[in-house]
């Protein structure tokens, strides 16, 4: 099991980027997990992973711009290169809280306006 929070979060990103959603899920807490972003909220790691598997097709690449670690919290500033109807770059902040070697909470902050085409209820 990975010990430090940065290693846990980066292993999650590596699994997600490799479309290895089983490995990504293993890095999320079984109990008490939560995810929040401008377009989705989940209180279940399994539902979050299903959503990620469904929506991952629009992501072409992810560039890490900056990483901060504060105890059990890991914050990544990222640029997602996505394609909906056209290619776009979306800057995002991904804040994860890790406990006992697994991600307990994720908050993603970004401008959701490009996603309105895919998610009109946002």
PDB file of N, CA and C in Angstrom:
ATOM      1  N   UNK A   1       0.847  -1.183   0.000  1.00  0.00           N
ATOM      2  CA  UNK A   1       0.000   0.000   0.000  1.00  0.00           C
ATOM      3  C   UNK A   1       0.889   1.241   0.000  1.00  0.00           C
ATOM      4  N   UNK A   2       0.500   2.249  -0.763  1.00  0.00           N
ATOM      5  CA  UNK A   2       1.242   3.496  -0.837  1.00  0.00           C
ATOM      6  C   UNK A   2       1.066   4.267   0.470  1.00  0.00           C
ATOM      7  N   UNK A   3       2.145   4.867   0.952  1.00  0.00           N
ATOM      8  CA  UNK A   3       2.103   5.505   2.261  1.00  0.00           C
ATOM      9  C   UNK A   3       1.775   6.992   2.202  1.00  0.00           C
ATOM     10  N   UNK A   4       2.433   7.723   1.340  1.00  0.00           N
ATOM     11  CA  UNK A   4       2.250   9.175   1.391  1.00  0.00           C
ATOM     12  C   UNK A   4       1.123   9.633   0.456  1.00  0.00           C
ATOM     13  N   UNK A   5       0.419  10.695   0.846  1.00  0.00           N
ATOM     14  CA  UNK A   5      -0.733  11.166   0.068  1.00  0.00           C
ATOM     15  C   UNK A   5      -0.410  11.496  -1.396  1.00  0.00           C
ATOM     16  N   UNK A   6       0.734  12.107  -1.660  1.00  0.00           N
ATOM     17  CA  UNK A   6       1.077  12.442  -3.044  1.00  0.00           C
ATOM     18  C   UNK A   6       1.188  11.182  -3.894  1.00  0.00           C
ATOM     19  N   UNK A   7       1.825  10.152  -3.390  1.00  0.00           N
ATOM     20  CA  UNK A   7       1.953   8.897  -4.144  1.00  0.00           C
ATOM     21  C   UNK A   7       0.593   8.281  -4.428  1.00  0.00           C
ATOM     22  N   UNK A   8      -0.315   8.358  -3.457  1.00  0.00           N
ATOM     23  CA  UNK A   8      -1.661   7.795  -3.640  1.00  0.00           C
ATOM     24  C   UNK A   8      -2.387   8.539  -4.763  1.00  0.00           C
ATOM     25  N   UNK A   9      -2.380   9.860  -4.711  1.00  0.00           N
ATOM     26  CA  UNK A   9      -3.103  10.652  -5.714  1.00  0.00           C
ATOM     27  C   UNK A   9      -2.473  10.475  -7.090  1.00  0.00           C
ATOM     28  N   UNK A  10      -1.165  10.473  -7.162  1.00  0.00           N
ATOM     29  CA  UNK A  10      -0.521  10.308  -8.464  1.00  0.00           C
ATOM     30  C   UNK A  10      -0.728   8.905  -9.025  1.00  0.00           C
ATOM     31  N   UNK A  11      -0.821   7.908  -8.156  1.00  0.00           N
ATOM     32  CA  UNK A  11      -1.147   6.554  -8.621  1.00  0.00           C
ATOM     33  C   UNK A  11      -2.582   6.515  -9.153  1.00  0.00           C
ATOM     34  N   UNK A  12      -3.482   7.246  -8.495  1.00  0.00           N
ATOM     35  CA  UNK A  12      -4.865   7.339  -8.981  1.00  0.00           C
ATOM     36  C   UNK A  12      -4.896   7.968 -10.375  1.00  0.00           C
ATOM     37  N   UNK A  13      -4.184   9.088 -10.547  1.00  0.00           N
ATOM     38  CA  UNK A  13      -4.130   9.733 -11.866  1.00  0.00           C
ATOM     39  C   UNK A  13      -3.552   8.792 -12.921  1.00  0.00           C
ATOM     40  N   UNK A  14      -2.492   8.090 -12.579  1.00  0.00           N
ATOM     41  CA  UNK A  14      -1.862   7.170 -13.542  1.00  0.00           C
ATOM     42  C   UNK A  14      -2.841   6.075 -13.958  1.00  0.00           C
ATOM     43  N   UNK A  15      -3.570   5.536 -12.994  1.00  0.00           N
ATOM     44  CA  UNK A  15      -4.559   4.495 -13.309  1.00  0.00           C
ATOM     45  C   UNK A  15      -5.679   5.069 -14.172  1.00  0.00           C
ATOM     46  N   UNK A  16      -6.180   6.221 -13.783  1.00  0.00           N
ATOM     47  CA  UNK A  16      -7.261   6.866 -14.542  1.00  0.00           C
ATOM     48  C   UNK A  16      -6.813   7.146 -15.976  1.00  0.00           C
ATOM     49  N   UNK A  17      -5.610   7.694 -16.118  1.00  0.00           N
ATOM     50  CA  UNK A  17      -5.108   8.047 -17.451  1.00  0.00           C
ATOM     51  C   UNK A  17      -4.845   6.817 -18.317  1.00  0.00           C
ATOM     52  N   UNK A  18      -4.619   5.674 -17.676  1.00  0.00           N
ATOM     53  CA  UNK A  18      -4.412   4.411 -18.397  1.00  0.00           C
ATOM     54  C   UNK A  18      -5.735   3.670 -18.600  1.00  0.00           C
ATOM     55  N   UNK A  19      -6.846   4.298 -18.215  1.00  0.00           N
ATOM     56  CA  UNK A  19      -8.180   3.699 -18.305  1.00  0.00           C
ATOM     57  C   UNK A  19      -8.272   2.404 -17.498  1.00  0.00           C
ATOM     58  N   UNK A  20      -7.467   2.329 -16.436  1.00  0.00           N
ATOM     59  CA  UNK A  20      -7.494   1.172 -15.539  1.00  0.00           C
ATOM     60  C   UNK A  20      -8.369   1.556 -14.343  1.00  0.00           C
ATOM     61  N   UNK A  21      -9.669   1.502 -14.553  1.00  0.00           N
ATOM     62  CA  UNK A  21     -10.603   1.994 -13.551  1.00  0.00           C
ATOM     63  C   UNK A  21     -10.688   1.073 -12.332  1.00  0.00           C
ATOM     64  N   UNK A  22     -10.341  -0.185 -12.487  1.00  0.00           N
ATOM     65  CA  UNK A  22     -10.300  -1.092 -11.332  1.00  0.00           C
ATOM     66  C   UNK A  22      -9.165  -0.676 -10.387  1.00  0.00           C
ATOM     67  N   UNK A  23      -8.013  -0.389 -10.948  1.00  0.00           N
ATOM     68  CA  UNK A  23      -6.878   0.056 -10.129  1.00  0.00           C
ATOM     69  C   UNK A  23      -7.167   1.431  -9.524  1.00  0.00           C
ATOM     70  N   UNK A  24      -7.795   2.329 -10.298  1.00  0.00           N
ATOM     71  CA  UNK A  24      -8.166   3.650  -9.772  1.00  0.00           C
ATOM     72  C   UNK A  24      -9.130   3.501  -8.601  1.00  0.00           C
ATOM     73  N   UNK A  25     -10.115   2.627  -8.737  1.00  0.00           N
ATOM     74  CA  UNK A  25     -11.107   2.419  -7.677  1.00  0.00           C
ATOM     75  C   UNK A  25     -10.455   1.918  -6.400  1.00  0.00           C
ATOM     76  N   UNK A  26      -9.430   1.078  -6.522  1.00  0.00           N
ATOM     77  CA  UNK A  26      -8.753   0.528  -5.349  1.00  0.00           C
ATOM     78  C   UNK A  26      -8.057   1.608  -4.525  1.00  0.00           C
ATOM     79  N   UNK A  27      -7.827   2.776  -5.107  1.00  0.00           N
ATOM     80  CA  UNK A  27      -7.173   3.878  -4.405  1.00  0.00           C
ATOM     81  C   UNK A  27      -8.164   4.818  -3.735  1.00  0.00           C
ATOM     82  N   UNK A  28      -9.459   4.544  -3.873  1.00  0.00           N
ATOM     83  CA  UNK A  28     -10.500   5.360  -3.252  1.00  0.00           C
ATOM     84  C   UNK A  28     -11.038   4.651  -2.011  1.00  0.00           C
ATOM     85  N   UNK A  29     -11.421   5.429  -1.007  1.00  0.00           N
ATOM     86  CA  UNK A  29     -11.964   4.875   0.230  1.00  0.00           C
ATOM     87  C   UNK A  29     -13.275   4.144  -0.041  1.00  0.00           C
ATOM     88  N   UNK A  30     -13.461   3.027   0.639  1.00  0.00           N
ATOM     89  CA  UNK A  30     -14.700   2.261   0.500  1.00  0.00           C
ATOM     90  C   UNK A  30     -15.853   2.927   1.238  1.00  0.00           C
ATOM     91  N   UNK A  31     -15.568   3.547   2.363  1.00  0.00           N
ATOM     92  CA  UNK A  31     -16.591   4.203   3.181  1.00  0.00           C
ATOM     93  C   UNK A  31     -16.281   5.691   3.290  1.00  0.00           C
ATOM     94  N   UNK A  32     -17.304   6.530   3.175  1.00  0.00           N
ATOM     95  CA  UNK A  32     -17.155   7.962   3.389  1.00  0.00           C
ATOM     96  C   UNK A  32     -16.592   8.740   2.219  1.00  0.00           C
ATOM     97  N   UNK A  33     -16.394   8.110   1.070  1.00  0.00           N
ATOM     98  CA  UNK A  33     -15.849   8.810  -0.100  1.00  0.00           C
ATOM     99  C   UNK A  33     -16.825   9.877  -0.584  1.00  0.00           C
ATOM    100  N   UNK A  34     -16.274  11.019  -1.035  1.00  0.00           N
ATOM    101  CA  UNK A  34     -17.115  12.029  -1.677  1.00  0.00           C
ATOM    102  C   UNK A  34     -16.325  12.725  -2.786  1.00  0.00           C
ATOM    103  N   UNK A  35     -17.057  13.115  -3.805  1.00  0.00           N
ATOM    104  CA  UNK A  35     -16.515  13.869  -4.933  1.00  0.00           C
ATOM    105  C   UNK A  35     -17.457  15.013  -5.221  1.00  0.00           C
ATOM    106  N   UNK A  36     -16.875  16.187  -5.500  1.00  0.00           N
ATOM    107  CA  UNK A  36     -17.689  17.349  -5.859  1.00  0.00           C
ATOM    108  C   UNK A  36     -16.980  18.138  -6.948  1.00  0.00           C
ATOM    109  N   UNK A  37     -17.756  18.525  -7.967  1.00  0.00           N
ATOM    110  CA  UNK A  37     -17.259  19.387  -9.037  1.00  0.00           C
ATOM    111  C   UNK A  37     -18.426  20.245  -9.521  1.00  0.00           C
ATOM    112  N   UNK A  38     -18.173  21.172 -10.435  1.00  0.00           N
ATOM    113  CA  UNK A  38     -19.277  21.983 -10.955  1.00  0.00           C
ATOM    114  C   UNK A  38     -20.329  21.195 -11.730  1.00  0.00           C
ATOM    115  N   UNK A  39     -20.000  19.971 -12.166  1.00  0.00           N
ATOM    116  CA  UNK A  39     -20.967  19.227 -12.978  1.00  0.00           C
ATOM    117  C   UNK A  39     -21.435  17.919 -12.350  1.00  0.00           C
ATOM    118  N   UNK A  40     -20.846  17.511 -11.215  1.00  0.00           N
ATOM    119  CA  UNK A  40     -21.250  16.234 -10.623  1.00  0.00           C
ATOM    120  C   UNK A  40     -20.885  16.176  -9.147  1.00  0.00           C
ATOM    121  N   UNK A  41     -21.674  15.380  -8.408  1.00  0.00           N
ATOM    122  CA  UNK A  41     -21.403  15.101  -6.999  1.00  0.00           C
ATOM    123  C   UNK A  41     -21.687  13.626  -6.754  1.00  0.00           C
ATOM    124  N   UNK A  42     -20.787  12.970  -6.015  1.00  0.00           N
ATOM    125  CA  UNK A  42     -20.950  11.558  -5.695  1.00  0.00           C
ATOM    126  C   UNK A  42     -20.578  11.319  -4.245  1.00  0.00           C
ATOM    127  N   UNK A  43     -21.300  10.439  -3.614  1.00  0.00           N
ATOM    128  CA  UNK A  43     -20.999   9.993  -2.251  1.00  0.00           C
ATOM    129  C   UNK A  43     -20.620   8.523  -2.260  1.00  0.00           C
ATOM    130  N   UNK A  44     -20.330   7.989  -3.434  1.00  0.00           N
ATOM    131  CA  UNK A  44     -19.956   6.588  -3.600  1.00  0.00           C
ATOM    132  C   UNK A  44     -18.765   6.503  -4.557  1.00  0.00           C
ATOM    133  N   UNK A  45     -17.702   5.826  -4.114  1.00  0.00           N
ATOM    134  CA  UNK A  45     -16.539   5.652  -4.974  1.00  0.00           C
ATOM    135  C   UNK A  45     -16.896   4.855  -6.225  1.00  0.00           C
ATOM    136  N   UNK A  46     -17.776   3.857  -6.090  1.00  0.00           N
ATOM    137  CA  UNK A  46     -18.162   3.054  -7.248  1.00  0.00           C
ATOM    138  C   UNK A  46     -18.899   3.894  -8.292  1.00  0.00           C
ATOM    139  N   UNK A  47     -19.818   4.741  -7.860  1.00  0.00           N
ATOM    140  CA  UNK A  47     -20.542   5.614  -8.795  1.00  0.00           C
ATOM    141  C   UNK A  47     -19.589   6.609  -9.448  1.00  0.00           C
ATOM    142  N   UNK A  48     -18.646   7.131  -8.675  1.00  0.00           N
ATOM    143  CA  UNK A  48     -17.663   8.070  -9.223  1.00  0.00           C
ATOM    144  C   UNK A  48     -16.829   7.399 -10.310  1.00  0.00           C
ATOM    145  N   UNK A  49     -16.388   6.175 -10.059  1.00  0.00           N
ATOM    146  CA  UNK A  49     -15.576   5.457 -11.050  1.00  0.00           C
ATOM    147  C   UNK A  49     -16.403   5.157 -12.301  1.00  0.00           C
ATOM    148  N   UNK A  50     -17.663   4.768 -12.145  1.00  0.00           N
ATOM    149  CA  UNK A  50     -18.530   4.525 -13.306  1.00  0.00           C
ATOM    150  C   UNK A  50     -18.675   5.799 -14.130  1.00  0.00           C
ATOM    151  N   UNK A  51     -18.880   6.910 -13.462  1.00  0.00           N
ATOM    152  CA  UNK A  51     -18.992   8.205 -14.145  1.00  0.00           C
ATOM    153  C   UNK A  51     -17.686   8.529 -14.881  1.00  0.00           C
ATOM    154  N   UNK A  52     -16.557   8.315 -14.209  1.00  0.00           N
ATOM    155  CA  UNK A  52     -15.264   8.590 -14.829  1.00  0.00           C
ATOM    156  C   UNK A  52     -15.014   7.725 -16.052  1.00  0.00           C
ATOM    157  N   UNK A  53     -15.390   6.465 -15.978  1.00  0.00           N
ATOM    158  CA  UNK A  53     -15.224   5.569 -17.123  1.00  0.00           C
ATOM    159  C   UNK A  53     -16.084   6.028 -18.291  1.00  0.00           C
ATOM    160  N   UNK A  54     -17.281   6.496 -17.990  1.00  0.00           N
ATOM    161  CA  UNK A  54     -18.210   6.966 -19.025  1.00  0.00           C
ATOM    162  C   UNK A  54     -17.734   8.269 -19.677  1.00  0.00           C
ATOM    163  N   UNK A  55     -17.198   9.191 -18.878  1.00  0.00           N
ATOM    164  CA  UNK A  55     -16.858  10.519 -19.398  1.00  0.00           C
ATOM    165  C   UNK A  55     -15.404  10.654 -19.841  1.00  0.00           C
ATOM    166  N   UNK A  56     -14.582   9.642 -19.633  1.00  0.00           N
ATOM    167  CA  UNK A  56     -13.151   9.760 -19.925  1.00  0.00           C
ATOM    168  C   UNK A  56     -12.832   9.866 -21.413  1.00  0.00           C
ATOM    169  N   UNK A  57     -13.756   9.507 -22.268  1.00  0.00           N
ATOM    170  CA  UNK A  57     -13.499   9.523 -23.707  1.00  0.00           C
ATOM    171  C   UNK A  57     -13.227  10.898 -24.288  1.00  0.00           C
ATOM    172  N   UNK A  58     -13.651  11.951 -23.604  1.00  0.00           N
ATOM    173  CA  UNK A  58     -13.418  13.297 -24.141  1.00  0.00           C
ATOM    174  C   UNK A  58     -12.032  13.834 -23.792  1.00  0.00           C
ATOM    175  N   UNK A  59     -11.334  13.191 -22.841  1.00  0.00           N
ATOM    176  CA  UNK A  59     -10.023  13.673 -22.399  1.00  0.00           C
ATOM    177  C   UNK A  59      -8.947  13.138 -23.333  1.00  0.00           C
ATOM    178  N   UNK A  60      -8.198  14.057 -23.929  1.00  0.00           N
ATOM    179  CA  UNK A  60      -7.107  13.670 -24.807  1.00  0.00           C
ATOM    180  C   UNK A  60      -5.770  13.642 -24.088  1.00  0.00           C
ATOM    181  N   UNK A  61      -5.576  14.578 -23.147  1.00  0.00           N
ATOM    182  CA  UNK A  61      -4.348  14.597 -22.356  1.00  0.00           C
ATOM    183  C   UNK A  61      -4.565  15.467 -21.123  1.00  0.00           C
ATOM    184  N   UNK A  62      -3.679  15.279 -20.151  1.00  0.00           N
ATOM    185  CA  UNK A  62      -3.710  16.071 -18.928  1.00  0.00           C
ATOM    186  C   UNK A  62      -2.283  16.504 -18.628  1.00  0.00           C
ATOM    187  N   UNK A  63      -2.090  17.799 -18.427  1.00  0.00           N
ATOM    188  CA  UNK A  63      -0.776  18.327 -18.072  1.00  0.00           C
ATOM    189  C   UNK A  63      -0.832  18.854 -16.641  1.00  0.00           C
ATOM    190  N   UNK A  64       0.138  18.463 -15.842  1.00  0.00           N
ATOM    191  CA  UNK A  64       0.243  18.959 -14.473  1.00  0.00           C
ATOM    192  C   UNK A  64       1.028  20.259 -14.503  1.00  0.00           C
ATOM    193  N   UNK A  65       0.414  21.311 -13.959  1.00  0.00           N
ATOM    194  CA  UNK A  65       1.068  22.623 -13.933  1.00  0.00           C
ATOM    195  C   UNK A  65       1.766  22.889 -12.607  1.00  0.00           C
ATOM    196  N   UNK A  66       1.161  22.446 -11.503  1.00  0.00           N
ATOM    197  CA  UNK A  66       1.736  22.676 -10.179  1.00  0.00           C
ATOM    198  C   UNK A  66       1.088  21.724  -9.193  1.00  0.00           C
ATOM    199  N   UNK A  67       1.844  21.290  -8.185  1.00  0.00           N
ATOM    200  CA  UNK A  67       1.340  20.394  -7.150  1.00  0.00           C
ATOM    201  C   UNK A  67       1.737  20.957  -5.788  1.00  0.00           C
ATOM    202  N   UNK A  68       0.781  20.957  -4.871  1.00  0.00           N
ATOM    203  CA  UNK A  68       1.040  21.343  -3.488  1.00  0.00           C
ATOM    204  C   UNK A  68       0.582  20.211  -2.586  1.00  0.00           C
ATOM    205  N   UNK A  69       1.345  19.938  -1.533  1.00  0.00           N
ATOM    206  CA  UNK A  69       0.961  18.951  -0.539  1.00  0.00           C
ATOM    207  C   UNK A  69       0.965  19.642   0.817  1.00  0.00           C
ATOM    208  N   UNK A  70      -0.114  19.440   1.566  1.00  0.00           N
ATOM    209  CA  UNK A  70      -0.243  19.988   2.906  1.00  0.00           C
ATOM    210  C   UNK A  70      -0.794  18.884   3.804  1.00  0.00           C
ATOM    211  N   UNK A  71       0.084  18.158   4.442  1.00  0.00           N
ATOM    212  CA  UNK A  71      -0.354  17.042   5.281  1.00  0.00           C
ATOM    213  C   UNK A  71      -1.026  15.967   4.446  1.00  0.00           C
ATOM    214  N   UNK A  72      -2.305  15.738   4.711  1.00  0.00           N
ATOM    215  CA  UNK A  72      -3.071  14.712   4.002  1.00  0.00           C
ATOM    216  C   UNK A  72      -3.770  15.237   2.750  1.00  0.00           C
ATOM    217  N   UNK A  73      -3.586  16.530   2.455  1.00  0.00           N
ATOM    218  CA  UNK A  73      -4.222  17.155   1.293  1.00  0.00           C
ATOM    219  C   UNK A  73      -3.219  17.322   0.161  1.00  0.00           C
ATOM    220  N   UNK A  74      -3.677  16.998  -1.055  1.00  0.00           N
ATOM    221  CA  UNK A  74      -2.854  17.127  -2.260  1.00  0.00           C
ATOM    222  C   UNK A  74      -3.647  17.945  -3.267  1.00  0.00           C
ATOM    223  N   UNK A  75      -3.033  18.994  -3.767  1.00  0.00           N
ATOM    224  CA  UNK A  75      -3.709  19.892  -4.707  1.00  0.00           C
ATOM    225  C   UNK A  75      -2.904  19.961  -6.003  1.00  0.00           C
ATOM    226  N   UNK A  76      -3.558  19.599  -7.099  1.00  0.00           N
ATOM    227  CA  UNK A  76      -2.952  19.663  -8.432  1.00  0.00           C
ATOM    228  C   UNK A  76      -3.621  20.773  -9.243  1.00  0.00           C
ATOM    229  N   UNK A  77      -2.820  21.599  -9.879  1.00  0.00           N
ATOM    230  CA  UNK A  77      -3.312  22.523 -10.898  1.00  0.00           C
ATOM    231  C   UNK A  77      -3.035  21.840 -12.227  1.00  0.00           C
ATOM    232  N   UNK A  78      -4.093  21.622 -13.008  1.00  0.00           N
ATOM    233  CA  UNK A  78      -4.016  20.813 -14.218  1.00  0.00           C
ATOM    234  C   UNK A  78      -4.569  21.556 -15.423  1.00  0.00           C
ATOM    235  N   UNK A  79      -4.127  21.154 -16.587  1.00  0.00           N
ATOM    236  CA  UNK A  79      -4.764  21.578 -17.831  1.00  0.00           C
ATOM    237  C   UNK A  79      -5.189  20.319 -18.568  1.00  0.00           C
ATOM    238  N   UNK A  80      -6.504  20.193 -18.745  1.00  0.00           N
ATOM    239  CA  UNK A  80      -7.071  19.073 -19.494  1.00  0.00           C
ATOM    240  C   UNK A  80      -7.226  19.510 -20.943  1.00  0.00           C
ATOM    241  N   UNK A  81      -6.770  18.686 -21.850  1.00  0.00           N
ATOM    242  CA  UNK A  81      -7.020  18.890 -23.280  1.00  0.00           C
ATOM    243  C   UNK A  81      -8.169  17.939 -23.612  1.00  0.00           C
ATOM    244  N   UNK A  82      -9.319  18.514 -23.964  1.00  0.00           N
ATOM    245  CA  UNK A  82     -10.512  17.709 -24.210  1.00  0.00           C
ATOM    246  C   UNK A  82     -11.035  17.958 -25.608  1.00  0.00           C
ATOM    247  N   UNK A  83     -11.894  17.066 -26.057  1.00  0.00           N
ATOM    248  CA  UNK A  83     -12.590  17.277 -27.314  1.00  0.00           C
ATOM    249  C   UNK A  83     -14.047  16.919 -27.113  1.00  0.00           C
ATOM    250  N   UNK A  84     -14.893  17.919 -27.282  1.00  0.00           N
ATOM    251  CA  UNK A  84     -16.337  17.704 -27.261  1.00  0.00           C
ATOM    252  C   UNK A  84     -16.758  17.782 -28.727  1.00  0.00           C
ATOM    253  N   UNK A  85     -17.068  18.958 -29.214  1.00  0.00           N
ATOM    254  CA  UNK A  85     -17.277  19.111 -30.651  1.00  0.00           C
ATOM    255  C   UNK A  85     -16.036  19.749 -31.280  1.00  0.00           C
ATOM    256  N   UNK A  86     -15.245  20.381 -30.443  1.00  0.00           N
ATOM    257  CA  UNK A  86     -13.970  20.959 -30.864  1.00  0.00           C
ATOM    258  C   UNK A  86     -12.972  20.722 -29.745  1.00  0.00           C
ATOM    259  N   UNK A  87     -11.687  20.873 -30.033  1.00  0.00           N
ATOM    260  CA  UNK A  87     -10.668  20.687 -29.013  1.00  0.00           C
ATOM    261  C   UNK A  87     -10.590  21.924 -28.131  1.00  0.00           C
ATOM    262  N   UNK A  88     -10.498  21.688 -26.828  1.00  0.00           N
ATOM    263  CA  UNK A  88     -10.436  22.769 -25.852  1.00  0.00           C
ATOM    264  C   UNK A  88      -9.393  22.451 -24.795  1.00  0.00           C
ATOM    265  N   UNK A  89      -8.875  23.494 -24.172  1.00  0.00           N
ATOM    266  CA  UNK A  89      -8.047  23.331 -22.981  1.00  0.00           C
ATOM    267  C   UNK A  89      -8.841  23.852 -21.806  1.00  0.00           C
ATOM    268  N   UNK A  90      -8.900  23.053 -20.747  1.00  0.00           N
ATOM    269  CA  UNK A  90      -9.652  23.421 -19.552  1.00  0.00           C
ATOM    270  C   UNK A  90      -8.703  23.371 -18.364  1.00  0.00           C
ATOM    271  N   UNK A  91      -8.519  24.512 -17.706  1.00  0.00           N
ATOM    272  CA  UNK A  91      -7.715  24.549 -16.492  1.00  0.00           C
ATOM    273  C   UNK A  91      -8.572  24.100 -15.319  1.00  0.00           C
ATOM    274  N   UNK A  92      -7.968  23.313 -14.427  1.00  0.00           N
ATOM    275  CA  UNK A  92      -8.716  22.771 -13.296  1.00  0.00           C
ATOM    276  C   UNK A  92      -7.811  22.653 -12.081  1.00  0.00           C
ATOM    277  N   UNK A  93      -8.452  22.674 -10.930  1.00  0.00           N
ATOM    278  CA  UNK A  93      -7.774  22.375  -9.674  1.00  0.00           C
ATOM    279  C   UNK A  93      -8.398  21.098  -9.129  1.00  0.00           C
ATOM    280  N   UNK A  94      -7.568  20.161  -8.722  1.00  0.00           N
ATOM    281  CA  UNK A  94      -8.003  18.871  -8.189  1.00  0.00           C
ATOM    282  C   UNK A  94      -7.448  18.770  -6.774  1.00  0.00           C
ATOM    283  N   UNK A  95      -8.336  18.852  -5.786  1.00  0.00           N
ATOM    284  CA  UNK A  95      -7.934  18.810  -4.384  1.00  0.00           C
ATOM    285  C   UNK A  95      -8.389  17.476  -3.806  1.00  0.00           C
ATOM    286  N   UNK A  96      -7.443  16.682  -3.365  1.00  0.00           N
ATOM    287  CA  UNK A  96      -7.750  15.376  -2.798  1.00  0.00           C
ATOM    288  C   UNK A  96      -7.295  15.308  -1.349  1.00  0.00           C
ATOM    289  N   UNK A  97      -8.080  14.622  -0.542  1.00  0.00           N
ATOM    290  CA  UNK A  97      -7.732  14.372   0.855  1.00  0.00           C
ATOM    291  C   UNK A  97      -7.561  12.864   1.010  1.00  0.00           C
ATOM    292  N   UNK A  98      -6.410  12.456   1.532  1.00  0.00           N
ATOM    293  CA  UNK A  98      -6.055  11.044   1.641  1.00  0.00           C
ATOM    294  C   UNK A  98      -5.997  10.643   3.112  1.00  0.00           C
ATOM    295  N   UNK A  99      -6.634   9.536   3.441  1.00  0.00           N
ATOM    296  CA  UNK A  99      -6.535   8.963   4.779  1.00  0.00           C
ATOM    297  C   UNK A  99      -6.324   7.465   4.654  1.00  0.00           C
ATOM    298  N   UNK A 100      -5.444   6.942   5.493  1.00  0.00           N
ATOM    299  CA  UNK A 100      -5.168   5.499   5.521  1.00  0.00           C
ATOM    300  C   UNK A 100      -4.798   4.948   4.143  1.00  0.00           C
ATOM    301  N   UNK A 101      -4.055   5.738   3.369  1.00  0.00           N
ATOM    302  CA  UNK A 101      -3.566   5.270   2.084  1.00  0.00           C
ATOM    303  C   UNK A 101      -4.576   5.254   0.956  1.00  0.00           C
ATOM    304  N   UNK A 102      -5.757   5.886   1.182  1.00  0.00           N
ATOM    305  CA  UNK A 102      -6.777   5.921   0.123  1.00  0.00           C
ATOM    306  C   UNK A 102      -7.405   7.308   0.077  1.00  0.00           C
ATOM    307  N   UNK A 103      -7.863   7.693  -1.091  1.00  0.00           N
ATOM    308  CA  UNK A 103      -8.480   9.007  -1.277  1.00  0.00           C
ATOM    309  C   UNK A 103      -9.885   8.986  -0.677  1.00  0.00           C
ATOM    310  N   UNK A 104     -10.114   9.889   0.246  1.00  0.00           N
ATOM    311  CA  UNK A 104     -11.405   9.978   0.920  1.00  0.00           C
ATOM    312  C   UNK A 104     -12.298  11.045   0.277  1.00  0.00           C
ATOM    313  N   UNK A 105     -11.685  12.122  -0.185  1.00  0.00           N
ATOM    314  CA  UNK A 105     -12.470  13.225  -0.738  1.00  0.00           C
ATOM    315  C   UNK A 105     -11.724  13.853  -1.916  1.00  0.00           C
ATOM    316  N   UNK A 106     -12.483  14.188  -2.944  1.00  0.00           N
ATOM    317  CA  UNK A 106     -11.946  14.922  -4.089  1.00  0.00           C
ATOM    318  C   UNK A 106     -12.868  16.093  -4.365  1.00  0.00           C
ATOM    319  N   UNK A 107     -12.269  17.250  -4.562  1.00  0.00           N
ATOM    320  CA  UNK A 107     -13.023  18.412  -5.039  1.00  0.00           C
ATOM    321  C   UNK A 107     -12.307  18.917  -6.289  1.00  0.00           C
ATOM    322  N   UNK A 108     -13.041  19.046  -7.372  1.00  0.00           N
ATOM    323  CA  UNK A 108     -12.494  19.553  -8.621  1.00  0.00           C
ATOM    324  C   UNK A 108     -13.157  20.895  -8.923  1.00  0.00           C
ATOM    325  N   UNK A 109     -12.341  21.871  -9.252  1.00  0.00           N
ATOM    326  CA  UNK A 109     -12.838  23.218  -9.527  1.00  0.00           C
ATOM    327  C   UNK A 109     -12.383  23.611 -10.928  1.00  0.00           C
ATOM    328  N   UNK A 110     -13.345  23.996 -11.779  1.00  0.00           N
ATOM    329  CA  UNK A 110     -13.046  24.413 -13.148  1.00  0.00           C
ATOM    330  C   UNK A 110     -14.249  25.136 -13.723  1.00  0.00           C
ATOM    331  N   UNK A 111     -14.034  25.806 -14.837  1.00  0.00           N
ATOM    332  CA  UNK A 111     -15.120  26.462 -15.560  1.00  0.00           C
ATOM    333  C   UNK A 111     -15.879  25.386 -16.329  1.00  0.00           C
ATOM    334  N   UNK A 112     -17.117  25.160 -15.963  1.00  0.00           N
ATOM    335  CA  UNK A 112     -17.902  24.076 -16.554  1.00  0.00           C
ATOM    336  C   UNK A 112     -18.609  24.456 -17.848  1.00  0.00           C
ATOM    337  N   UNK A 113     -18.479  25.673 -18.300  1.00  0.00           N
ATOM    338  CA  UNK A 113     -19.243  26.090 -19.478  1.00  0.00           C
ATOM    339  C   UNK A 113     -18.986  25.234 -20.724  1.00  0.00           C
ATOM    340  N   UNK A 114     -17.765  24.714 -21.001  1.00  0.00           N
ATOM    341  CA  UNK A 114     -17.606  23.856 -22.183  1.00  0.00           C
ATOM    342  C   UNK A 114     -18.402  22.550 -22.107  1.00  0.00           C
ATOM    343  N   UNK A 115     -18.758  22.129 -20.910  1.00  0.00           N
ATOM    344  CA  UNK A 115     -19.448  20.864 -20.712  1.00  0.00           C
ATOM    345  C   UNK A 115     -20.959  20.983 -20.896  1.00  0.00           C
ATOM    346  N   UNK A 116     -21.476  22.175 -21.006  1.00  0.00           N
ATOM    347  CA  UNK A 116     -22.922  22.369 -21.136  1.00  0.00           C
ATOM    348  C   UNK A 116     -23.476  21.636 -22.353  1.00  0.00           C
ATOM    349  N   UNK A 117     -22.642  21.474 -23.379  1.00  0.00           N
ATOM    350  CA  UNK A 117     -23.067  20.729 -24.573  1.00  0.00           C
ATOM    351  C   UNK A 117     -23.333  19.266 -24.248  1.00  0.00           C
ATOM    352  N   UNK A 118     -22.516  18.681 -23.373  1.00  0.00           N
ATOM    353  CA  UNK A 118     -22.695  17.282 -22.998  1.00  0.00           C
ATOM    354  C   UNK A 118     -23.680  17.098 -21.849  1.00  0.00           C
ATOM    355  N   UNK A 119     -23.701  18.081 -20.965  1.00  0.00           N
ATOM    356  CA  UNK A 119     -24.510  17.988 -19.750  1.00  0.00           C
ATOM    357  C   UNK A 119     -25.415  19.202 -19.663  1.00  0.00           C
ATOM    358  N   UNK A 120     -26.504  19.262 -20.447  1.00  0.00           N
ATOM    359  CA  UNK A 120     -27.337  20.457 -20.513  1.00  0.00           C
ATOM    360  C   UNK A 120     -28.009  20.820 -19.191  1.00  0.00           C
ATOM    361  N   UNK A 121     -28.102  19.888 -18.254  1.00  0.00           N
ATOM    362  CA  UNK A 121     -28.735  20.177 -16.969  1.00  0.00           C
ATOM    363  C   UNK A 121     -27.817  20.908 -16.004  1.00  0.00           C
ATOM    364  N   UNK A 122     -26.551  21.137 -16.373  1.00  0.00           N
ATOM    365  CA  UNK A 122     -25.583  21.788 -15.481  1.00  0.00           C
ATOM    366  C   UNK A 122     -25.926  23.251 -15.346  1.00  0.00           C
TER     367      UNK A 122
END
